[in-house]
Amino acid sequence: MERWVIFRTNHGTENHFLQTPIHPTVKPNRPIILHGVLAKHPHRIRGGHVFFSLDYDDGTIQCAAFEPTGRLCNVIAQLIAGDEVTVFGGLRNNESDQPLNVNLEKIRVDRLTEQLQVENPVCSRCGKHMKSAGKKQGFRCEKCHLKEPKAVKRIVRQRRTLQPGIYIPTPKAHRHLTKPLHRYGHEKNWNGKPPSGIWHKP
């Protein structure tokens, strides 16, 4: 072997986010990191893209996850209003007359709010959900015909399968700077000096 060379690359390092402060001045065509709370439930449009509004310190901004990101879209679709997240992406103004969008490359779910659902009461005799018997008439069971004039609707806490953590796109949708999940916690540091000692044997 006559000679060799080692290249240092930023591939898979999220280098574009390392120097990006949280809540920078919001300007288009640059990476951005924003921490905030979902203003309302995400909505999915035809084609599979998912959008939601994020309330952060300086206002509200729309965030978008596009269908090719695969599981990232599916994760975001499970969020609800009140969830606390940190979004990572590129700030884009796709149309001159449209507001700025954060095109998501990654999301960190920091805290999940409780998901509550209002349900009709359960029949004390047969265990089936009852139906309203009319205004101010309580509820009645269609199966066993039991009437409960004083029964009221109940609030039920829903179990959420989504967990706090970092979520990135499906591997086939990774950009060259996207850091794979298995690299988290295994980052390498470099002091800027050339290698020394016995570090390579051709």
Protein backbone atom coordinates (compact mmCIF):
# COMPACT_ATOMS: atom_id res chain seq x y z
CA MET A 1 0.00 0.00 0.00
CA GLU A 2 1.53 3.30 -1.10
CA ARG A 3 -0.72 5.78 0.66
CA TRP A 4 -4.12 6.14 2.30
CA VAL A 5 -6.43 8.81 3.60
CA ILE A 6 -9.28 8.99 6.11
CA PHE A 7 -12.20 11.31 5.50
CA ARG A 8 -14.19 12.84 8.31
CA THR A 9 -17.84 13.31 7.38
CA ASN A 10 -20.92 14.90 8.89
CA HIS A 11 -23.07 12.04 7.56
CA GLY A 12 -25.60 10.91 10.16
CA THR A 13 -24.52 13.50 12.76
CA GLU A 14 -27.35 16.06 12.75
CA ASN A 15 -24.59 18.61 12.36
CA HIS A 16 -27.08 21.21 11.10
CA PHE A 17 -28.88 21.12 14.46
CA LEU A 18 -25.80 21.13 16.73
CA GLN A 19 -25.37 24.92 16.50
CA THR A 20 -29.08 25.73 16.25
CA PRO A 21 -30.44 27.36 19.42
CA ILE A 22 -33.92 26.53 20.66
CA HIS A 23 -36.37 29.31 19.72
CA PRO A 24 -34.11 31.21 17.29
CA THR A 25 -35.37 34.12 15.26
CA VAL A 26 -37.89 32.51 12.93
CA LYS A 27 -36.58 33.02 9.42
CA PRO A 28 -37.18 30.86 6.33
CA ASN A 29 -34.73 28.46 4.70
CA ARG A 30 -32.75 27.50 7.78
CA PRO A 31 -32.83 24.70 10.37
CA ILE A 32 -34.97 25.33 13.41
CA ILE A 33 -35.66 23.79 16.82
CA LEU A 34 -38.83 24.79 18.63
CA HIS A 35 -40.24 23.62 21.95
CA GLY A 36 -43.95 24.03 22.55
CA VAL A 37 -47.39 22.55 23.01
CA LEU A 38 -49.82 21.30 20.38
CA ALA A 39 -52.57 23.88 19.96
CA LYS A 40 -55.03 21.27 18.62
CA HIS A 41 -55.15 17.73 17.30
CA PRO A 42 -53.06 17.01 14.17
CA HIS A 43 -54.94 16.48 10.91
CA ARG A 44 -54.03 14.26 7.98
CA ILE A 45 -54.79 15.36 4.43
CA ARG A 46 -55.25 13.37 1.24
CA GLY A 47 -51.89 11.90 0.31
CA GLY A 48 -50.93 11.07 3.88
CA HIS A 49 -49.29 14.33 4.99
CA VAL A 50 -49.91 15.33 8.62
CA PHE A 51 -50.10 18.89 9.94
CA PHE A 52 -50.41 20.46 13.38
CA SER A 53 -50.10 23.88 15.01
CA LEU A 54 -47.46 24.38 17.69
CA ASP A 55 -47.78 27.06 20.37
CA TYR A 56 -44.31 28.28 21.40
CA ASP A 57 -42.95 31.31 23.27
CA ASP A 58 -43.30 33.76 20.39
CA GLY A 59 -46.57 32.58 18.88
CA THR A 60 -47.98 29.72 16.83
CA ILE A 61 -46.46 27.99 13.82
CA GLN A 62 -47.58 25.17 11.56
CA CYS A 63 -45.55 21.96 11.42
CA ALA A 64 -45.74 19.38 8.64
CA ALA A 65 -44.68 15.74 8.33
CA PHE A 66 -44.87 14.43 4.79
CA GLU A 67 -46.03 10.95 3.76
CA PRO A 68 -42.57 9.66 2.67
CA THR A 69 -41.32 10.02 6.26
CA GLY A 70 -43.46 6.96 7.06
CA ARG A 71 -43.52 6.24 10.79
CA LEU A 72 -42.88 9.89 11.66
CA CYS A 73 -46.29 10.73 10.17
CA ASN A 74 -47.88 7.89 12.12
CA VAL A 75 -46.35 9.06 15.40
CA ILE A 76 -47.48 12.65 14.90
CA ALA A 77 -51.00 11.49 14.04
CA GLN A 78 -51.17 9.99 17.56
CA LEU A 79 -50.48 13.32 19.28
CA ILE A 80 -53.31 15.35 20.77
CA ALA A 81 -53.82 18.94 21.85
CA GLY A 82 -51.83 19.70 24.99
CA ASP A 83 -48.93 17.35 24.26
CA GLU A 84 -45.53 18.96 24.85
CA VAL A 85 -42.98 18.38 22.09
CA THR A 86 -39.73 19.67 20.60
CA VAL A 87 -39.67 19.82 16.80
CA PHE A 88 -36.60 19.74 14.56
CA GLY A 89 -36.78 20.66 10.90
CA GLY A 90 -36.32 23.17 8.15
CA LEU A 91 -38.31 26.37 8.05
CA ARG A 92 -39.96 26.80 4.67
CA ASN A 93 -42.23 29.31 2.99
CA ASN A 94 -43.63 27.05 0.29
CA GLU A 95 -45.93 29.68 -1.23
CA SER A 96 -45.46 33.43 -1.22
CA ASP A 97 -48.91 34.00 0.25
CA GLN A 98 -48.75 31.14 2.77
CA PRO A 99 -47.38 31.21 6.35
CA LEU A 100 -44.11 29.57 7.32
CA ASN A 101 -44.03 25.80 7.84
CA VAL A 102 -41.62 23.68 9.85
CA ASN A 103 -40.94 20.69 7.61
CA LEU A 104 -40.23 18.08 10.24
CA GLU A 105 -37.11 15.92 10.25
CA LYS A 106 -37.46 14.71 13.83
CA ILE A 107 -39.70 15.17 16.85
CA ARG A 108 -39.08 14.66 20.54
CA VAL A 109 -42.18 13.91 22.58
CA ASP A 110 -41.45 15.49 25.96
CA ARG A 111 -44.73 15.08 27.83
CA LEU A 112 -48.07 13.51 27.01
CA THR A 113 -51.30 14.97 28.31
CA GLU A 114 -54.19 12.83 29.50
CA GLN A 115 -56.61 11.75 26.81
CA LEU A 116 -60.13 11.90 28.18
CA GLN A 117 -63.33 10.71 26.54
CA VAL A 118 -66.94 11.27 27.53
CA GLU A 119 -68.99 8.07 27.47
CA ASN A 120 -72.53 7.01 28.27
CA PRO A 121 -72.87 5.13 31.57
CA VAL A 122 -72.73 1.34 31.72
CA CYS A 123 -75.85 -0.64 32.61
CA SER A 124 -75.62 -1.94 36.17
CA ARG A 125 -77.54 -5.06 35.20
CA CYS A 126 -75.94 -6.31 31.98
CA GLY A 127 -72.80 -4.18 31.59
CA LYS A 128 -73.70 -2.69 28.21
CA HIS A 129 -73.42 1.02 27.41
CA MET A 130 -76.77 2.73 27.85
CA LYS A 131 -78.43 5.29 25.57
CA SER A 132 -80.10 8.57 26.39
CA ALA A 133 -83.74 8.29 27.32
CA GLY A 134 -84.39 11.89 26.36
CA LYS A 135 -83.71 15.32 27.77
CA LYS A 136 -83.49 15.18 31.59
CA GLN A 137 -84.78 11.59 31.56
CA GLY A 138 -81.49 9.83 32.25
CA PHE A 139 -80.47 6.70 30.34
CA ARG A 140 -81.96 3.36 29.35
CA CYS A 141 -80.44 0.05 28.30
CA GLU A 142 -81.57 -1.23 24.91
CA LYS A 143 -80.61 -4.79 25.78
CA CYS A 144 -82.30 -5.38 29.14
CA HIS A 145 -84.53 -2.27 29.16
CA LEU A 146 -83.29 -1.06 32.54
CA LYS A 147 -83.94 2.66 33.08
CA GLU A 148 -81.62 4.87 35.14
CA PRO A 149 -83.24 8.35 35.50
CA LYS A 150 -80.34 9.72 37.53
CA ALA A 151 -77.51 8.26 35.48
CA VAL A 152 -75.05 10.70 33.92
CA LYS A 153 -72.28 10.51 31.37
CA ARG A 154 -68.84 9.64 32.67
CA ILE A 155 -65.33 10.81 31.79
CA VAL A 156 -62.96 7.94 30.96
CA ARG A 157 -59.17 8.18 30.76
CA GLN A 158 -57.94 6.60 27.52
CA ARG A 159 -54.78 4.52 27.46
CA ARG A 160 -52.18 5.99 25.11
CA THR A 161 -49.75 3.71 23.31
CA LEU A 162 -47.41 6.54 22.33
CA GLN A 163 -44.48 7.06 24.71
CA PRO A 164 -42.19 10.08 25.31
CA GLY A 165 -38.99 9.87 23.29
CA ILE A 166 -37.29 10.74 20.01
CA TYR A 167 -38.94 9.79 16.73
CA ILE A 168 -37.36 10.03 13.28
CA PRO A 169 -38.50 9.08 9.77
CA THR A 170 -38.45 5.59 8.32
CA PRO A 171 -34.83 4.72 7.28
CA LYS A 172 -35.56 5.00 3.55
CA ALA A 173 -36.61 8.62 4.14
CA HIS A 174 -33.45 9.62 6.05
CA ARG A 175 -31.56 12.62 4.77
CA HIS A 176 -27.78 12.32 4.79
CA LEU A 177 -27.56 14.31 8.05
CA THR A 178 -30.26 12.31 9.85
CA LYS A 179 -28.77 10.55 12.86
CA PRO A 180 -30.03 6.95 13.18
CA LEU A 181 -31.50 6.06 16.56
CA HIS A 182 -28.78 3.48 17.27
CA ARG A 183 -26.16 6.27 17.22
CA TYR A 184 -27.74 8.18 20.09
CA GLY A 185 -25.46 7.91 23.10
CA HIS A 186 -22.55 6.71 20.92
CA GLU A 187 -21.46 10.06 19.50
CA LYS A 188 -17.72 10.49 18.87
CA ASN A 189 -15.86 13.60 19.95
CA TRP A 190 -12.87 15.04 18.10
CA ASN A 191 -10.43 17.58 19.52
CA GLY A 192 -9.41 18.81 16.07
CA LYS A 193 -5.90 17.35 16.31
CA PRO A 194 -4.53 14.74 13.90
CA PRO A 195 -4.49 11.11 15.09
CA SER A 196 -1.37 10.03 16.96
CA GLY A 197 0.13 6.77 18.14
CA ILE A 198 -0.47 3.32 16.75
CA TRP A 199 -3.91 3.83 15.31
CA HIS A 200 -3.65 2.23 11.89
CA LYS A 201 -1.86 -0.83 10.56
CA PRO A 202 -2.00 -1.19 6.77
